[in-house]
Amino acid sequence: MEFQKISWAGMAALTVIAACHSNKTPQATAQDVEAAKQEAQHAVDEARAEATKGVKSAVKTGGGNPRDVAQAKATAAYDIAMVKAEGDHTVATEKCQTLQASMMQACKDQADAAYESAKATAKATRTARQQ
């Protein structure tokens, strides 16, 4: 799962860098936004599948120990939230590419702020669930 997060973050960074240095047509950008949405949804679906496996594994190996199961559920929810936040950030950044140059930086700043907020919320939720 950790590798998947790193890979997703790398893909998002490359997408942002490539988008900043290209002159896309509005049609191509709309296609990129749709592709980013689909990739993000696919990543969330994969994260959910992995989370389910993790919780089932905790139930089996821990003998149903409530603390182990709760820990696995908290970790699973965190992983899903992080993948979703990364995907939402990528989609938002792609949408910024459809704007006029004068509005693009503000849009990107807002996307970055939303991403940081989502990450902080995911971390806080995980911490609360683990206690």
N, C-alpha and C. Protein backbone atom coordinates (compact mmCIF):
# COMPACT_ATOMS: atom_id res chain seq x y z
N MET A 1 0.84 -1.18 0.00
CA MET A 1 0.00 0.00 0.00
C MET A 1 0.88 1.24 0.00
N GLU A 2 1.98 1.21 0.75
CA GLU A 2 2.89 2.35 0.81
C GLU A 2 3.46 2.65 -0.56
N PHE A 3 3.83 1.62 -1.32
CA PHE A 3 4.35 1.81 -2.67
C PHE A 3 3.29 2.45 -3.55
N GLN A 4 2.05 2.02 -3.38
CA GLN A 4 0.96 2.57 -4.19
C GLN A 4 0.80 4.06 -3.90
N LYS A 5 0.92 4.47 -2.63
CA LYS A 5 0.80 5.88 -2.29
C LYS A 5 1.91 6.68 -2.94
N ILE A 6 3.12 6.15 -2.86
CA ILE A 6 4.27 6.83 -3.46
C ILE A 6 4.09 6.92 -4.96
N SER A 7 3.65 5.83 -5.58
CA SER A 7 3.44 5.84 -7.02
C SER A 7 2.38 6.84 -7.41
N TRP A 8 1.28 6.89 -6.66
CA TRP A 8 0.20 7.82 -6.97
C TRP A 8 0.69 9.25 -6.81
N ALA A 9 1.45 9.51 -5.76
CA ALA A 9 1.97 10.86 -5.55
C ALA A 9 2.92 11.25 -6.67
N GLY A 10 3.73 10.30 -7.11
CA GLY A 10 4.65 10.56 -8.23
C GLY A 10 3.91 10.86 -9.51
N MET A 11 2.85 10.09 -9.77
CA MET A 11 2.05 10.33 -10.97
C MET A 11 1.40 11.70 -10.90
N ALA A 12 0.90 12.05 -9.74
CA ALA A 12 0.26 13.35 -9.59
C ALA A 12 1.26 14.48 -9.82
N ALA A 13 2.45 14.33 -9.26
CA ALA A 13 3.47 15.36 -9.43
C ALA A 13 3.86 15.50 -10.90
N LEU A 14 4.05 14.38 -11.57
CA LEU A 14 4.41 14.45 -12.98
C LEU A 14 3.30 15.07 -13.82
N THR A 15 2.06 14.76 -13.47
CA THR A 15 0.93 15.34 -14.18
C THR A 15 0.92 16.86 -14.01
N VAL A 16 1.15 17.30 -12.78
CA VAL A 16 1.16 18.74 -12.51
C VAL A 16 2.30 19.42 -13.26
N ILE A 17 3.48 18.82 -13.21
CA ILE A 17 4.65 19.40 -13.89
C ILE A 17 4.42 19.45 -15.39
N ALA A 18 3.94 18.37 -15.94
CA ALA A 18 3.68 18.34 -17.38
C ALA A 18 2.61 19.35 -17.76
N ALA A 19 1.59 19.48 -16.93
CA ALA A 19 0.51 20.42 -17.22
C ALA A 19 1.00 21.86 -17.17
N CYS A 20 1.93 22.15 -16.29
CA CYS A 20 2.43 23.51 -16.16
C CYS A 20 3.27 23.93 -17.37
N HIS A 21 3.84 22.98 -18.06
CA HIS A 21 4.75 23.28 -19.15
C HIS A 21 4.18 22.97 -20.52
N SER A 22 2.90 22.91 -20.62
CA SER A 22 2.32 22.60 -21.92
C SER A 22 1.24 23.60 -22.28
N ASN A 23 1.02 23.75 -23.54
CA ASN A 23 -0.06 24.59 -24.04
C ASN A 23 -1.14 23.66 -24.58
N LYS A 24 -2.08 23.33 -23.72
CA LYS A 24 -3.12 22.38 -24.10
C LYS A 24 -4.31 23.11 -24.69
N THR A 25 -4.97 22.42 -25.56
CA THR A 25 -6.22 22.95 -26.06
C THR A 25 -7.29 22.65 -25.02
N PRO A 26 -8.37 23.44 -24.97
CA PRO A 26 -9.43 23.16 -23.99
C PRO A 26 -9.98 21.75 -24.10
N GLN A 27 -10.10 21.22 -25.30
CA GLN A 27 -10.62 19.88 -25.46
C GLN A 27 -9.67 18.85 -24.84
N ALA A 28 -8.39 19.00 -25.08
CA ALA A 28 -7.42 18.07 -24.51
C ALA A 28 -7.44 18.15 -22.99
N THR A 29 -7.57 19.34 -22.45
CA THR A 29 -7.60 19.50 -21.00
C THR A 29 -8.85 18.85 -20.41
N ALA A 30 -9.97 19.00 -21.06
CA ALA A 30 -11.20 18.35 -20.60
C ALA A 30 -11.02 16.83 -20.60
N GLN A 31 -10.34 16.32 -21.60
CA GLN A 31 -10.07 14.88 -21.64
C GLN A 31 -9.13 14.49 -20.51
N ASP A 32 -8.16 15.33 -20.21
CA ASP A 32 -7.24 15.05 -19.11
C ASP A 32 -7.96 15.04 -17.77
N VAL A 33 -8.89 15.95 -17.59
CA VAL A 33 -9.67 15.99 -16.34
C VAL A 33 -10.47 14.70 -16.20
N GLU A 34 -11.10 14.28 -17.27
CA GLU A 34 -11.89 13.04 -17.22
C GLU A 34 -10.99 11.84 -16.94
N ALA A 35 -9.83 11.80 -17.57
CA ALA A 35 -8.89 10.70 -17.33
C ALA A 35 -8.41 10.71 -15.89
N ALA A 36 -8.15 11.89 -15.35
CA ALA A 36 -7.72 11.99 -13.95
C ALA A 36 -8.81 11.51 -13.01
N LYS A 37 -10.06 11.84 -13.32
CA LYS A 37 -11.18 11.37 -12.50
C LYS A 37 -11.25 9.84 -12.50
N GLN A 38 -11.10 9.26 -13.68
CA GLN A 38 -11.17 7.81 -13.79
C GLN A 38 -10.01 7.14 -13.06
N GLU A 39 -8.82 7.69 -13.21
CA GLU A 39 -7.65 7.13 -12.51
C GLU A 39 -7.82 7.25 -10.99
N ALA A 40 -8.33 8.39 -10.55
CA ALA A 40 -8.54 8.59 -9.11
C ALA A 40 -9.55 7.58 -8.57
N GLN A 41 -10.65 7.38 -9.30
CA GLN A 41 -11.66 6.42 -8.84
C GLN A 41 -11.09 5.00 -8.80
N HIS A 42 -10.31 4.67 -9.81
CA HIS A 42 -9.68 3.35 -9.85
C HIS A 42 -8.74 3.16 -8.66
N ALA A 43 -7.97 4.19 -8.34
CA ALA A 43 -7.06 4.11 -7.20
C ALA A 43 -7.83 3.95 -5.89
N VAL A 44 -8.94 4.65 -5.74
CA VAL A 44 -9.76 4.52 -4.53
C VAL A 44 -10.35 3.12 -4.44
N ASP A 45 -10.83 2.59 -5.57
CA ASP A 45 -11.36 1.23 -5.58
C ASP A 45 -10.30 0.22 -5.16
N GLU A 46 -9.09 0.39 -5.67
CA GLU A 46 -7.99 -0.50 -5.29
C GLU A 46 -7.66 -0.36 -3.80
N ALA A 47 -7.65 0.86 -3.31
CA ALA A 47 -7.36 1.09 -1.89
C ALA A 47 -8.42 0.43 -1.01
N ARG A 48 -9.68 0.50 -1.43
CA ARG A 48 -10.75 -0.15 -0.67
C ARG A 48 -10.57 -1.66 -0.65
N ALA A 49 -10.19 -2.23 -1.78
CA ALA A 49 -9.96 -3.67 -1.85
C ALA A 49 -8.81 -4.08 -0.93
N GLU A 50 -7.74 -3.30 -0.95
CA GLU A 50 -6.60 -3.58 -0.07
C GLU A 50 -6.99 -3.42 1.39
N ALA A 51 -7.79 -2.42 1.68
CA ALA A 51 -8.23 -2.19 3.05
C ALA A 51 -9.06 -3.36 3.56
N THR A 52 -9.93 -3.86 2.73
CA THR A 52 -10.75 -5.01 3.10
C THR A 52 -9.87 -6.21 3.42
N LYS A 53 -8.87 -6.43 2.58
CA LYS A 53 -7.92 -7.53 2.83
C LYS A 53 -7.21 -7.34 4.15
N GLY A 54 -6.79 -6.11 4.43
CA GLY A 54 -6.07 -5.83 5.67
C GLY A 54 -6.92 -6.09 6.90
N VAL A 55 -8.17 -5.69 6.85
CA VAL A 55 -9.07 -5.90 7.99
C VAL A 55 -9.35 -7.40 8.16
N LYS A 56 -9.59 -8.10 7.05
CA LYS A 56 -9.83 -9.55 7.14
C LYS A 56 -8.61 -10.26 7.71
N SER A 57 -7.44 -9.82 7.29
CA SER A 57 -6.21 -10.42 7.80
C SER A 57 -6.07 -10.19 9.30
N ALA A 58 -6.41 -9.00 9.75
CA ALA A 58 -6.33 -8.69 11.18
C ALA A 58 -7.30 -9.55 11.98
N VAL A 59 -8.47 -9.81 11.41
CA VAL A 59 -9.45 -10.65 12.09
C VAL A 59 -8.92 -12.08 12.20
N LYS A 60 -8.33 -12.58 11.10
CA LYS A 60 -7.82 -13.95 11.10
C LYS A 60 -6.61 -14.11 12.01
N THR A 61 -5.61 -13.26 11.82
CA THR A 61 -4.35 -13.44 12.55
C THR A 61 -4.47 -13.01 14.01
N GLY A 62 -5.33 -12.04 14.29
CA GLY A 62 -5.47 -11.57 15.66
C GLY A 62 -6.52 -12.30 16.43
N GLY A 63 -7.14 -13.27 15.82
CA GLY A 63 -8.18 -14.02 16.51
C GLY A 63 -9.38 -13.16 16.86
N GLY A 64 -9.57 -12.09 16.10
CA GLY A 64 -10.72 -11.23 16.37
C GLY A 64 -10.49 -10.25 17.50
N ASN A 65 -9.23 -10.08 17.92
CA ASN A 65 -8.91 -9.13 18.97
C ASN A 65 -9.45 -7.76 18.57
N PRO A 66 -10.35 -7.19 19.37
CA PRO A 66 -10.98 -5.92 18.99
C PRO A 66 -9.97 -4.80 18.75
N ARG A 67 -8.90 -4.77 19.51
CA ARG A 67 -7.88 -3.71 19.34
C ARG A 67 -7.19 -3.85 17.99
N ASP A 68 -6.83 -5.07 17.61
CA ASP A 68 -6.17 -5.29 16.32
C ASP A 68 -7.10 -4.96 15.16
N VAL A 69 -8.34 -5.35 15.29
CA VAL A 69 -9.33 -5.08 14.24
C VAL A 69 -9.55 -3.57 14.13
N ALA A 70 -9.67 -2.89 15.26
CA ALA A 70 -9.85 -1.43 15.24
C ALA A 70 -8.65 -0.74 14.61
N GLN A 71 -7.47 -1.24 14.94
CA GLN A 71 -6.24 -0.67 14.35
C GLN A 71 -6.24 -0.87 12.84
N ALA A 72 -6.61 -2.05 12.39
CA ALA A 72 -6.65 -2.34 10.95
C ALA A 72 -7.69 -1.47 10.25
N LYS A 73 -8.83 -1.29 10.88
CA LYS A 73 -9.87 -0.45 10.29
C LYS A 73 -9.42 1.01 10.22
N ALA A 74 -8.74 1.48 11.25
CA ALA A 74 -8.26 2.87 11.25
C ALA A 74 -7.22 3.07 10.15
N THR A 75 -6.33 2.10 10.02
CA THR A 75 -5.31 2.19 8.98
C THR A 75 -5.95 2.12 7.60
N ALA A 76 -6.92 1.26 7.44
CA ALA A 76 -7.61 1.13 6.15
C ALA A 76 -8.33 2.42 5.79
N ALA A 77 -9.03 3.00 6.73
CA ALA A 77 -9.75 4.26 6.46
C ALA A 77 -8.77 5.37 6.11
N TYR A 78 -7.64 5.40 6.80
CA TYR A 78 -6.61 6.40 6.52
C TYR A 78 -6.06 6.23 5.10
N ASP A 79 -5.73 5.00 4.75
CA ASP A 79 -5.17 4.74 3.42
C ASP A 79 -6.15 5.16 2.32
N ILE A 80 -7.41 4.82 2.51
CA ILE A 80 -8.43 5.20 1.52
C ILE A 80 -8.56 6.72 1.44
N ALA A 81 -8.59 7.37 2.58
CA ALA A 81 -8.72 8.83 2.61
C ALA A 81 -7.53 9.50 1.92
N MET A 82 -6.34 8.97 2.13
CA MET A 82 -5.15 9.56 1.51
C MET A 82 -5.17 9.37 -0.01
N VAL A 83 -5.55 8.20 -0.46
CA VAL A 83 -5.62 7.96 -1.90
C VAL A 83 -6.69 8.86 -2.53
N LYS A 84 -7.82 9.00 -1.83
CA LYS A 84 -8.87 9.88 -2.33
C LYS A 84 -8.40 11.33 -2.38
N ALA A 85 -7.70 11.77 -1.36
CA ALA A 85 -7.19 13.15 -1.32
C ALA A 85 -6.22 13.40 -2.47
N GLU A 86 -5.35 12.42 -2.72
CA GLU A 86 -4.39 12.56 -3.81
C GLU A 86 -5.10 12.62 -5.16
N GLY A 87 -6.09 11.78 -5.33
CA GLY A 87 -6.85 11.78 -6.58
C GLY A 87 -7.63 13.07 -6.77
N ASP A 88 -8.26 13.54 -5.70
CA ASP A 88 -9.01 14.80 -5.77
C ASP A 88 -8.08 15.95 -6.12
N HIS A 89 -6.88 15.92 -5.55
CA HIS A 89 -5.90 16.98 -5.84
C HIS A 89 -5.49 16.96 -7.30
N THR A 90 -5.25 15.79 -7.82
CA THR A 90 -4.87 15.67 -9.24
C THR A 90 -5.98 16.18 -10.14
N VAL A 91 -7.21 15.80 -9.84
CA VAL A 91 -8.35 16.25 -10.65
C VAL A 91 -8.49 17.77 -10.55
N ALA A 92 -8.39 18.31 -9.35
CA ALA A 92 -8.52 19.76 -9.17
C ALA A 92 -7.42 20.50 -9.93
N THR A 93 -6.22 19.97 -9.89
CA THR A 93 -5.11 20.61 -10.61
C THR A 93 -5.34 20.57 -12.11
N GLU A 94 -5.86 19.45 -12.60
CA GLU A 94 -6.18 19.36 -14.03
C GLU A 94 -7.27 20.37 -14.40
N LYS A 95 -8.25 20.54 -13.53
CA LYS A 95 -9.31 21.52 -13.80
C LYS A 95 -8.74 22.93 -13.86
N CYS A 96 -7.73 23.20 -13.05
CA CYS A 96 -7.10 24.52 -13.07
C CYS A 96 -6.52 24.83 -14.44
N GLN A 97 -6.12 23.80 -15.15
CA GLN A 97 -5.53 23.99 -16.46
C GLN A 97 -6.54 24.51 -17.49
N THR A 98 -7.82 24.41 -17.17
CA THR A 98 -8.84 24.89 -18.10
C THR A 98 -9.10 26.39 -17.93
N LEU A 99 -8.52 26.98 -16.89
CA LEU A 99 -8.76 28.38 -16.60
C LEU A 99 -7.79 29.30 -17.33
N GLN A 100 -8.14 30.57 -17.34
CA GLN A 100 -7.24 31.57 -17.90
C GLN A 100 -5.99 31.65 -17.02
N ALA A 101 -4.89 32.05 -17.62
CA ALA A 101 -3.61 32.10 -16.92
C ALA A 101 -3.69 32.95 -15.65
N SER A 102 -4.45 34.02 -15.68
CA SER A 102 -4.55 34.91 -14.52
C SER A 102 -5.24 34.24 -13.33
N MET A 103 -6.04 33.24 -13.57
CA MET A 103 -6.79 32.56 -12.51
C MET A 103 -6.15 31.23 -12.11
N MET A 104 -5.21 30.77 -12.90
CA MET A 104 -4.66 29.43 -12.72
C MET A 104 -3.93 29.26 -11.38
N GLN A 105 -3.09 30.22 -11.01
CA GLN A 105 -2.31 30.07 -9.78
C GLN A 105 -3.20 30.05 -8.54
N ALA A 106 -4.21 30.90 -8.50
CA ALA A 106 -5.13 30.90 -7.37
C ALA A 106 -5.86 29.57 -7.27
N CYS A 107 -6.22 29.03 -8.41
CA CYS A 107 -6.89 27.73 -8.45
C CYS A 107 -5.97 26.63 -7.90
N LYS A 108 -4.73 26.65 -8.34
CA LYS A 108 -3.76 25.66 -7.86
C LYS A 108 -3.52 25.80 -6.36
N ASP A 109 -3.43 27.04 -5.90
CA ASP A 109 -3.24 27.27 -4.46
C ASP A 109 -4.41 26.71 -3.66
N GLN A 110 -5.62 26.91 -4.19
CA GLN A 110 -6.81 26.39 -3.52
C GLN A 110 -6.80 24.86 -3.53
N ALA A 111 -6.40 24.27 -4.64
CA ALA A 111 -6.32 22.80 -4.72
C ALA A 111 -5.29 22.27 -3.73
N ASP A 112 -4.16 22.96 -3.62
CA ASP A 112 -3.13 22.54 -2.67
C ASP A 112 -3.62 22.66 -1.23
N ALA A 113 -4.34 23.73 -0.93
CA ALA A 113 -4.87 23.92 0.42
C ALA A 113 -5.90 22.84 0.76
N ALA A 114 -6.75 22.51 -0.19
CA ALA A 114 -7.75 21.46 0.04
C ALA A 114 -7.06 20.12 0.26
N TYR A 115 -6.00 19.86 -0.48
CA TYR A 115 -5.24 18.62 -0.34
C TYR A 115 -4.60 18.54 1.05
N GLU A 116 -3.97 19.61 1.47
CA GLU A 116 -3.33 19.62 2.79
C GLU A 116 -4.37 19.44 3.90
N SER A 117 -5.53 20.05 3.72
CA SER A 117 -6.61 19.90 4.70
C SER A 117 -7.11 18.46 4.76
N ALA A 118 -7.28 17.85 3.60
CA ALA A 118 -7.75 16.46 3.55
C ALA A 118 -6.73 15.53 4.21
N LYS A 119 -5.44 15.78 3.97
CA LYS A 119 -4.40 14.95 4.60
C LYS A 119 -4.44 15.11 6.12
N ALA A 120 -4.57 16.33 6.58
CA ALA A 120 -4.61 16.57 8.03
C ALA A 120 -5.83 15.91 8.66
N THR A 121 -6.97 15.99 7.99
CA THR A 121 -8.18 15.36 8.50
C THR A 121 -8.02 13.84 8.57
N ALA A 122 -7.42 13.26 7.54
CA ALA A 122 -7.20 11.81 7.52
C ALA A 122 -6.29 11.39 8.67
N LYS A 123 -5.24 12.15 8.90
CA LYS A 123 -4.30 11.82 9.99
C LYS A 123 -4.98 11.95 11.35
N ALA A 124 -5.74 13.02 11.54
CA ALA A 124 -6.43 13.22 12.81
C ALA A 124 -7.47 12.13 13.07
N THR A 125 -8.18 11.76 12.01
CA THR A 125 -9.20 10.71 12.15
C THR A 125 -8.55 9.38 12.51
N ARG A 126 -7.42 9.06 11.85
CA ARG A 126 -6.72 7.82 12.16
C ARG A 126 -6.27 7.80 13.60
N THR A 127 -5.70 8.91 14.07
CA THR A 127 -5.23 8.99 15.45
C THR A 127 -6.38 8.81 16.42
N ALA A 128 -7.50 9.44 16.15
CA ALA A 128 -8.67 9.33 17.05
C ALA A 128 -9.20 7.90 17.09
N ARG A 129 -9.20 7.23 15.93
CA ARG A 129 -9.72 5.86 15.88
C ARG A 129 -8.80 4.86 16.55
N GLN A 130 -7.53 5.17 16.62
CA GLN A 130 -6.57 4.23 17.19
C GLN A 130 -6.54 4.31 18.72
N GLN A 131 -7.15 5.32 19.28
CA GLN A 131 -7.10 5.47 20.74
C GLN A 131 -8.26 4.81 21.42
